[in-house]
């Protein structure tokens, strides 16, 4: 059984992971977004999930997450 089949069997998807991250950061102190492009227009790379901390005490930190469901996706990305 491949990585995708194992993940599907366990109910794991990029959307489900984004949902968990959204729940983790949705505290009223963060703005969350998924599929954030590096720029507008045309084909572009994107970040799967970002959390923007909106308070000075958090130094306006930005956290970005790249979600990989299968090892083959990670391997292709690293190449």
Protein backbone atom coordinates (compact mmCIF):
# COMPACT_ATOMS: atom_id res chain seq x y z
CA UNK A 1 0.00 0.00 0.00
CA UNK A 2 1.39 3.41 -1.01
CA UNK A 3 1.66 6.56 1.09
CA UNK A 4 -1.48 8.13 -0.36
CA UNK A 5 -3.55 5.01 0.25
CA UNK A 6 -2.31 4.78 3.86
CA UNK A 7 -3.13 8.45 4.46
CA UNK A 8 -6.59 8.07 2.89
CA UNK A 9 -7.27 5.00 5.03
CA UNK A 10 -6.38 7.01 8.15
CA UNK A 11 -8.47 9.99 7.00
CA UNK A 12 -5.43 12.22 6.58
CA UNK A 13 -5.44 14.87 3.86
CA UNK A 14 -3.89 18.27 3.31
CA UNK A 15 -7.30 19.80 4.05
CA UNK A 16 -7.64 17.93 7.34
CA UNK A 17 -4.16 19.06 8.41
CA UNK A 18 -5.00 22.68 7.47
CA UNK A 19 -8.14 22.35 9.60
CA UNK A 20 -6.10 21.17 12.58
CA UNK A 21 -3.61 24.01 12.14
CA UNK A 22 -6.44 26.51 11.85
CA UNK A 23 -7.86 25.23 15.14
CA UNK A 24 -4.43 25.50 16.76
CA UNK A 25 -3.85 29.11 15.73
CA UNK A 26 -7.42 30.47 15.83
CA UNK A 27 -7.08 32.24 19.16
CA UNK A 28 -8.06 35.76 18.18
CA UNK A 29 -4.39 36.66 18.05
CA UNK A 30 -3.67 35.14 14.62
CA UNK A 31 -4.97 35.46 11.12
CA UNK A 32 -4.77 32.17 9.24
CA UNK A 33 -4.69 31.51 5.51
CA UNK A 34 -4.14 28.52 3.27
CA UNK A 35 -2.74 28.26 -0.24
CA UNK A 36 -0.90 31.60 0.09
CA UNK A 37 0.84 32.62 -3.12
CA UNK A 38 4.26 34.21 -3.20
CA UNK A 39 2.94 36.82 -5.63
CA UNK A 40 -0.11 37.55 -7.73
CA UNK A 41 -0.71 36.48 -11.30
CA UNK A 42 0.38 33.51 -13.35
CA UNK A 43 1.71 30.17 -12.18
CA UNK A 44 3.41 30.41 -8.85
CA UNK A 45 4.53 28.46 -5.84
CA UNK A 46 2.51 28.72 -2.67
CA UNK A 47 2.65 28.01 1.04
CA UNK A 48 0.07 25.48 2.20
CA UNK A 49 -0.78 27.23 5.49
CA UNK A 50 0.30 30.46 7.20
CA UNK A 51 -0.44 31.93 10.60
CA UNK A 52 0.10 35.68 11.03
CA UNK A 53 0.49 36.70 14.69
CA UNK A 54 -1.14 40.12 15.07
CA UNK A 55 0.18 41.30 18.43
CA UNK A 56 3.34 43.21 19.23
CA UNK A 57 4.09 40.84 22.14
CA UNK A 58 4.35 38.04 19.55
CA UNK A 59 6.66 40.25 17.42
CA UNK A 60 4.16 40.01 14.55
CA UNK A 61 5.61 36.57 13.80
CA UNK A 62 4.62 34.69 10.66
CA UNK A 63 4.62 30.89 10.66
CA UNK A 64 4.43 28.98 7.39
CA UNK A 65 3.74 25.28 6.88
CA UNK A 66 4.37 23.12 3.84
CA UNK A 67 2.15 20.04 4.04
CA UNK A 68 3.29 16.75 2.52
CA UNK A 69 1.05 13.69 2.66
CA UNK A 70 3.37 11.29 0.84
CA UNK A 71 7.11 10.74 0.97
CA UNK A 72 7.20 10.99 -2.81
CA UNK A 73 5.92 14.60 -2.59
CA UNK A 74 8.68 15.50 -0.15
CA UNK A 75 11.32 13.79 -2.26
CA UNK A 76 10.16 15.61 -5.41
CA UNK A 77 10.16 18.94 -3.55
CA UNK A 78 13.68 18.43 -2.24
CA UNK A 79 15.01 17.59 -5.71
